[in-house]
PDB file of N, CA and C in Angstrom:
ATOM      1  N   MET A   1     -63.380  84.777  -5.819  1.00  0.00           N
ATOM      2  CA  MET A   1     -62.359  85.528  -5.122  1.00  0.00           C
ATOM      3  C   MET A   1     -62.974  86.820  -4.614  1.00  0.00           C
ATOM      4  N   ILE A   2     -62.613  87.175  -3.393  1.00  0.00           N
ATOM      5  CA  ILE A   2     -63.031  88.434  -2.788  1.00  0.00           C
ATOM      6  C   ILE A   2     -61.773  89.185  -2.371  1.00  0.00           C
ATOM      7  N   VAL A   3     -61.747  90.477  -2.620  1.00  0.00           N
ATOM      8  CA  VAL A   3     -60.682  91.329  -2.112  1.00  0.00           C
ATOM      9  C   VAL A   3     -61.334  92.293  -1.128  1.00  0.00           C
ATOM     10  N   ALA A   4     -61.018  92.112   0.153  1.00  0.00           N
ATOM     11  CA  ALA A   4     -61.613  92.918   1.212  1.00  0.00           C
ATOM     12  C   ALA A   4     -60.650  94.021   1.624  1.00  0.00           C
ATOM     13  N   ASN A   5     -61.137  95.242   1.625  1.00  0.00           N
ATOM     14  CA  ASN A   5     -60.344  96.401   2.004  1.00  0.00           C
ATOM     15  C   ASN A   5     -60.590  96.693   3.482  1.00  0.00           C
ATOM     16  N   ASN A   6     -59.531  96.748   4.270  1.00  0.00           N
ATOM     17  CA  ASN A   6     -59.650  97.040   5.698  1.00  0.00           C
ATOM     18  C   ASN A   6     -59.855  98.538   5.888  1.00  0.00           C
ATOM     19  N   LEU A   7     -61.013  98.912   6.401  1.00  0.00           N
ATOM     20  CA  LEU A   7     -61.327 100.329   6.585  1.00  0.00           C
ATOM     21  C   LEU A   7     -61.079 100.803   8.013  1.00  0.00           C
ATOM     22  N   LYS A   8     -60.686  99.896   8.908  1.00  0.00           N
ATOM     23  CA  LYS A   8     -60.542 100.238  10.323  1.00  0.00           C
ATOM     24  C   LYS A   8     -59.158 100.720  10.711  1.00  0.00           C
ATOM     25  N   GLN A   9     -58.151 100.456   9.898  1.00  0.00           N
ATOM     26  CA  GLN A   9     -56.789 100.838  10.250  1.00  0.00           C
ATOM     27  C   GLN A   9     -56.423 102.167   9.593  1.00  0.00           C
ATOM     28  N   ALA A  10     -55.658 102.963  10.309  1.00  0.00           N
ATOM     29  CA  ALA A  10     -55.224 104.263   9.796  1.00  0.00           C
ATOM     30  C   ALA A  10     -54.406 104.079   8.525  1.00  0.00           C
ATOM     31  N   GLY A  11     -54.634 104.945   7.550  1.00  0.00           N
ATOM     32  CA  GLY A  11     -53.877 104.886   6.309  1.00  0.00           C
ATOM     33  C   GLY A  11     -54.435 103.916   5.296  1.00  0.00           C
ATOM     34  N   ALA A  12     -55.610 103.367   5.562  1.00  0.00           N
ATOM     35  CA  ALA A  12     -56.215 102.418   4.637  1.00  0.00           C
ATOM     36  C   ALA A  12     -57.629 102.873   4.315  1.00  0.00           C
ATOM     37  N   GLY A  13     -58.085 102.499   3.144  1.00  0.00           N
ATOM     38  CA  GLY A  13     -59.466 102.790   2.786  1.00  0.00           C
ATOM     39  C   GLY A  13     -59.604 104.005   1.896  1.00  0.00           C
ATOM     40  N   PHE A  14     -60.745 104.636   1.989  1.00  0.00           N
ATOM     41  CA  PHE A  14     -61.075 105.764   1.122  1.00  0.00           C
ATOM     42  C   PHE A  14     -60.379 107.032   1.602  1.00  0.00           C
ATOM     43  N   GLY A  15     -60.031 107.895   0.660  1.00  0.00           N
ATOM     44  CA  GLY A  15     -59.429 109.166   1.002  1.00  0.00           C
ATOM     45  C   GLY A  15     -57.962 109.094   1.368  1.00  0.00           C
ATOM     46  N   THR A  16     -57.318 107.961   1.104  1.00  0.00           N
ATOM     47  CA  THR A  16     -55.885 107.805   1.360  1.00  0.00           C
ATOM     48  C   THR A  16     -55.215 107.257   0.103  1.00  0.00           C
ATOM     49  N   ASP A  17     -53.906 107.294   0.087  1.00  0.00           N
ATOM     50  CA  ASP A  17     -53.153 106.746  -1.040  1.00  0.00           C
ATOM     51  C   ASP A  17     -52.727 105.307  -0.812  1.00  0.00           C
ATOM     52  N   THR A  18     -53.103 104.736   0.350  1.00  0.00           N
ATOM     53  CA  THR A  18     -52.701 103.369   0.682  1.00  0.00           C
ATOM     54  C   THR A  18     -53.925 102.541   1.055  1.00  0.00           C
ATOM     55  N   ASN A  19     -53.756 101.227   0.996  1.00  0.00           N
ATOM     56  CA  ASN A  19     -54.784 100.258   1.376  1.00  0.00           C
ATOM     57  C   ASN A  19     -54.156  99.110   2.133  1.00  0.00           C
ATOM     58  N   ILE A  20     -54.982  98.427   2.878  1.00  0.00           N
ATOM     59  CA  ILE A  20     -54.628  97.153   3.502  1.00  0.00           C
ATOM     60  C   ILE A  20     -55.733  96.192   3.096  1.00  0.00           C
ATOM     61  N   VAL A  21     -55.409  95.192   2.300  1.00  0.00           N
ATOM     62  CA  VAL A  21     -56.443  94.299   1.797  1.00  0.00           C
ATOM     63  C   VAL A  21     -56.143  92.849   2.140  1.00  0.00           C
ATOM     64  N   THR A  22     -57.206  92.056   2.101  1.00  0.00           N
ATOM     65  CA  THR A  22     -57.117  90.615   2.244  1.00  0.00           C
ATOM     66  C   THR A  22     -57.732  89.996   1.004  1.00  0.00           C
ATOM     67  N   ILE A  23     -56.994  89.083   0.388  1.00  0.00           N
ATOM     68  CA  ILE A  23     -57.498  88.343  -0.764  1.00  0.00           C
ATOM     69  C   ILE A  23     -58.005  87.004  -0.254  1.00  0.00           C
ATOM     70  N   ILE A  24     -59.266  86.702  -0.550  1.00  0.00           N
ATOM     71  CA  ILE A  24     -59.908  85.498  -0.025  1.00  0.00           C
ATOM     72  C   ILE A  24     -60.409  84.654  -1.191  1.00  0.00           C
ATOM     73  N   THR A  25     -60.031  83.376  -1.193  1.00  0.00           N
ATOM     74  CA  THR A  25     -60.541  82.422  -2.179  1.00  0.00           C
ATOM     75  C   THR A  25     -61.063  81.202  -1.428  1.00  0.00           C
ATOM     76  N   ASN A  26     -61.590  80.248  -2.171  1.00  0.00           N
ATOM     77  CA  ASN A  26     -62.033  78.993  -1.545  1.00  0.00           C
ATOM     78  C   ASN A  26     -60.882  78.253  -0.885  1.00  0.00           C
ATOM     79  N   ASP A  27     -59.676  78.431  -1.418  1.00  0.00           N
ATOM     80  CA  ASP A  27     -58.520  77.647  -0.988  1.00  0.00           C
ATOM     81  C   ASP A  27     -57.569  78.363  -0.039  1.00  0.00           C
ATOM     82  N   GLU A  28     -57.567  79.692  -0.059  1.00  0.00           N
ATOM     83  CA  GLU A  28     -56.562  80.401   0.727  1.00  0.00           C
ATOM     84  C   GLU A  28     -56.984  81.824   1.055  1.00  0.00           C
ATOM     85  N   THR A  29     -56.280  82.393   2.003  1.00  0.00           N
ATOM     86  CA  THR A  29     -56.454  83.784   2.396  1.00  0.00           C
ATOM     87  C   THR A  29     -55.081  84.419   2.452  1.00  0.00           C
ATOM     88  N   LEU A  30     -54.941  85.574   1.803  1.00  0.00           N
ATOM     89  CA  LEU A  30     -53.668  86.275   1.776  1.00  0.00           C
ATOM     90  C   LEU A  30     -53.878  87.690   2.294  1.00  0.00           C
ATOM     91  N   GLN A  31     -53.238  88.003   3.423  1.00  0.00           N
ATOM     92  CA  GLN A  31     -53.308  89.338   4.016  1.00  0.00           C
ATOM     93  C   GLN A  31     -52.133  90.156   3.506  1.00  0.00           C
ATOM     94  N   LEU A  32     -52.424  91.281   2.854  1.00  0.00           N
ATOM     95  CA  LEU A  32     -51.369  92.163   2.360  1.00  0.00           C
ATOM     96  C   LEU A  32     -51.110  93.271   3.379  1.00  0.00           C
ATOM     97  N   GLU A  33     -49.881  93.687   3.462  1.00  0.00           N
ATOM     98  CA  GLU A  33     -49.500  94.796   4.335  1.00  0.00           C
ATOM     99  C   GLU A  33     -49.987  96.108   3.728  1.00  0.00           C
ATOM    100  N   LYS A  34     -49.897  97.185   4.479  1.00  0.00           N
ATOM    101  CA  LYS A  34     -50.273  98.492   3.953  1.00  0.00           C
ATOM    102  C   LYS A  34     -49.312  98.858   2.827  1.00  0.00           C
ATOM    103  N   MET A  35     -49.897  99.214   1.681  1.00  0.00           N
ATOM    104  CA  MET A  35     -49.104  99.597   0.519  1.00  0.00           C
ATOM    105  C   MET A  35     -49.920 100.539  -0.345  1.00  0.00           C
ATOM    106  N   SER A  36     -49.271 101.140  -1.316  1.00  0.00           N
ATOM    107  CA  SER A  36     -49.978 102.066  -2.201  1.00  0.00           C
ATOM    108  C   SER A  36     -51.060 101.309  -2.967  1.00  0.00           C
ATOM    109  N   LYS A  37     -52.050 102.050  -3.422  1.00  0.00           N
ATOM    110  CA  LYS A  37     -53.128 101.436  -4.186  1.00  0.00           C
ATOM    111  C   LYS A  37     -52.594 100.801  -5.472  1.00  0.00           C
ATOM    112  N   GLU A  38     -51.580 101.399  -6.072  1.00  0.00           N
ATOM    113  CA  GLU A  38     -50.975 100.815  -7.264  1.00  0.00           C
ATOM    114  C   GLU A  38     -50.294  99.486  -6.933  1.00  0.00           C
ATOM    115  N   GLU A  39     -49.581  99.441  -5.812  1.00  0.00           N
ATOM    116  CA  GLU A  39     -48.941  98.187  -5.394  1.00  0.00           C
ATOM    117  C   GLU A  39     -49.986  97.115  -5.097  1.00  0.00           C
ATOM    118  N   VAL A  40     -51.088  97.513  -4.476  1.00  0.00           N
ATOM    119  CA  VAL A  40     -52.168  96.556  -4.194  1.00  0.00           C
ATOM    120  C   VAL A  40     -52.709  95.982  -5.494  1.00  0.00           C
ATOM    121  N   SER A  41     -52.947  96.834  -6.480  1.00  0.00           N
ATOM    122  CA  SER A  41     -53.477  96.333  -7.750  1.00  0.00           C
ATOM    123  C   SER A  41     -52.492  95.374  -8.414  1.00  0.00           C
ATOM    124  N   ASN A  42     -51.200  95.662  -8.332  1.00  0.00           N
ATOM    125  CA  ASN A  42     -50.190  94.747  -8.880  1.00  0.00           C
ATOM    126  C   ASN A  42     -50.201  93.411  -8.152  1.00  0.00           C
ATOM    127  N   GLU A  43     -50.339  93.436  -6.829  1.00  0.00           N
ATOM    128  CA  GLU A  43     -50.392  92.195  -6.047  1.00  0.00           C
ATOM    129  C   GLU A  43     -51.626  91.369  -6.407  1.00  0.00           C
ATOM    130  N   ILE A  44     -52.764  92.025  -6.596  1.00  0.00           N
ATOM    131  CA  ILE A  44     -53.990  91.315  -6.973  1.00  0.00           C
ATOM    132  C   ILE A  44     -53.820  90.661  -8.340  1.00  0.00           C
ATOM    133  N   LEU A  45     -53.294  91.398  -9.306  1.00  0.00           N
ATOM    134  CA  LEU A  45     -53.075  90.831 -10.639  1.00  0.00           C
ATOM    135  C   LEU A  45     -52.079  89.679 -10.607  1.00  0.00           C
ATOM    136  N   THR A  46     -51.007  89.824  -9.846  1.00  0.00           N
ATOM    137  CA  THR A  46     -50.024  88.744  -9.713  1.00  0.00           C
ATOM    138  C   THR A  46     -50.666  87.513  -9.094  1.00  0.00           C
ATOM    139  N   PHE A  47     -51.490  87.706  -8.079  1.00  0.00           N
ATOM    140  CA  PHE A  47     -52.195  86.607  -7.432  1.00  0.00           C
ATOM    141  C   PHE A  47     -53.077  85.870  -8.443  1.00  0.00           C
ATOM    142  N   ILE A  48     -53.835  86.614  -9.232  1.00  0.00           N
ATOM    143  CA  ILE A  48     -54.725  86.009 -10.234  1.00  0.00           C
ATOM    144  C   ILE A  48     -53.922  85.241 -11.283  1.00  0.00           C
ATOM    145  N   ILE A  49     -52.865  85.855 -11.791  1.00  0.00           N
ATOM    146  CA  ILE A  49     -52.024  85.195 -12.806  1.00  0.00           C
ATOM    147  C   ILE A  49     -51.444  83.901 -12.258  1.00  0.00           C
ATOM    148  N   ASN A  50     -50.935  83.911 -11.039  1.00  0.00           N
ATOM    149  CA  ASN A  50     -50.356  82.704 -10.436  1.00  0.00           C
ATOM    150  C   ASN A  50     -51.400  81.612 -10.267  1.00  0.00           C
ATOM    151  N   ARG A  51     -52.616  81.968  -9.886  1.00  0.00           N
ATOM    152  CA  ARG A  51     -53.689  80.975  -9.747  1.00  0.00           C
ATOM    153  C   ARG A  51     -54.040  80.375 -11.103  1.00  0.00           C
ATOM    154  N   LEU A  52     -54.096  81.195 -12.133  1.00  0.00           N
ATOM    155  CA  LEU A  52     -54.408  80.685 -13.473  1.00  0.00           C
ATOM    156  C   LEU A  52     -53.317  79.747 -13.975  1.00  0.00           C
ATOM    157  N   ARG A  53     -52.078  80.058 -13.669  1.00  0.00           N
ATOM    158  CA  ARG A  53     -50.974  79.191 -14.108  1.00  0.00           C
ATOM    159  C   ARG A  53     -50.998  77.845 -13.394  1.00  0.00           C
ATOM    160  N   ARG A  54     -51.503  77.809 -12.159  1.00  0.00           N
ATOM    161  CA  ARG A  54     -51.573  76.547 -11.417  1.00  0.00           C
ATOM    162  C   ARG A  54     -52.656  75.630 -11.965  1.00  0.00           C
ATOM    163  N   ASN A  55     -53.635  76.196 -12.632  1.00  0.00           N
ATOM    164  CA  ASN A  55     -54.770  75.383 -13.131  1.00  0.00           C
ATOM    165  C   ASN A  55     -54.543  74.899 -14.496  1.00  0.00           C
TER     166      ASN A  55
END
């Protein structure tokens, strides 16, 4: 799994309180909207938990 942080859009990346990330796996790609870094971390953990439950 790769979590790619979009550094090209305003309000995302370093020095801000928000991120825009894409979660990439062998099976799927999930583009998240701009959200707080805490919300992003919750989405990543939820994604991982859901994948583990499917296996």
